[in-house]
């Protein structure tokens, strides 16, 4: 699967998030991890964050769970 990590990073930064790094992880662990707003998120979590930001029409915090 080809992933345009530069586009994801650019989109996150345009929405006000801080992206420190993109980490390519071993094949058995997934594709990529992103350090966003100080938290390490999987590719799926980063995409979900972008989708939530778009749906809300604003920047949302990276963490939504209260645990």
Protein backbone atom coordinates (compact mmCIF):
# COMPACT_ATOMS: atom_id res chain seq x y z
CA UNK A 1 0.00 0.00 0.00
CA UNK A 2 1.36 3.39 -0.98
CA UNK A 3 0.87 6.14 1.60
CA UNK A 4 1.50 9.83 0.92
CA UNK A 5 2.85 10.70 4.37
CA UNK A 6 3.88 14.18 3.21
CA UNK A 7 0.26 14.98 2.35
CA UNK A 8 -0.95 13.71 5.74
CA UNK A 9 1.68 15.76 7.57
CA UNK A 10 0.86 18.88 5.54
CA UNK A 11 -2.87 18.46 6.22
CA UNK A 12 -2.32 17.98 9.95
CA UNK A 13 -0.09 21.05 10.17
CA UNK A 14 -2.61 23.18 8.24
CA UNK A 15 -5.15 22.25 10.92
CA UNK A 16 -2.81 23.47 13.65
CA UNK A 17 -1.34 20.18 14.80
CA UNK A 18 2.34 19.75 15.57
CA UNK A 19 3.85 16.81 13.71
CA UNK A 20 7.28 15.97 15.10
CA UNK A 21 8.04 12.91 13.02
CA UNK A 22 6.80 10.08 10.84
CA UNK A 23 8.07 6.63 11.74
CA UNK A 24 8.14 3.73 9.29
CA UNK A 25 7.45 0.64 11.40
CA UNK A 26 8.18 -3.01 10.57
CA UNK A 27 5.74 -4.71 8.20
CA UNK A 28 4.29 -6.88 10.95
CA UNK A 29 3.46 -3.82 13.06
CA UNK A 30 1.58 -1.71 10.49
CA UNK A 31 2.68 0.97 8.05
CA UNK A 32 3.54 4.22 9.79
CA UNK A 33 3.27 5.99 13.11
CA UNK A 34 3.04 9.77 13.46
CA UNK A 35 4.08 11.85 16.46
CA UNK A 36 1.24 14.40 16.57
CA UNK A 37 0.80 16.92 19.36
CA UNK A 38 3.29 14.93 21.42
CA UNK A 39 1.44 11.63 21.01
CA UNK A 40 2.31 8.64 18.84
CA UNK A 41 -0.62 7.72 16.59
CA UNK A 42 -0.96 4.94 14.03
CA UNK A 43 -1.73 5.74 10.41
CA UNK A 44 -5.40 4.89 11.00
CA UNK A 45 -5.54 7.13 14.08
CA UNK A 46 -3.92 10.02 12.17
CA UNK A 47 -6.47 9.64 9.38
CA UNK A 48 -9.31 9.52 11.92
CA UNK A 49 -7.99 12.72 13.51
CA UNK A 50 -8.04 14.46 10.12
CA UNK A 51 -11.55 13.18 9.41
CA UNK A 52 -12.77 14.40 12.80
CA UNK A 53 -11.15 17.80 12.28
CA UNK A 54 -12.86 18.10 8.89
CA UNK A 55 -16.25 17.02 10.25
CA UNK A 56 -16.03 19.53 13.10
CA UNK A 57 -14.71 22.25 10.85
CA UNK A 58 -11.97 23.03 13.33
CA UNK A 59 -8.87 21.62 14.96
CA UNK A 60 -9.63 18.96 17.54
CA UNK A 61 -7.22 17.72 20.23
CA UNK A 62 -5.41 14.46 19.45
CA UNK A 63 -6.67 12.77 22.63
CA UNK A 64 -10.38 12.18 23.17
CA UNK A 65 -10.37 9.40 25.77
CA UNK A 66 -10.36 10.20 29.45
CA UNK A 67 -8.33 7.19 30.59
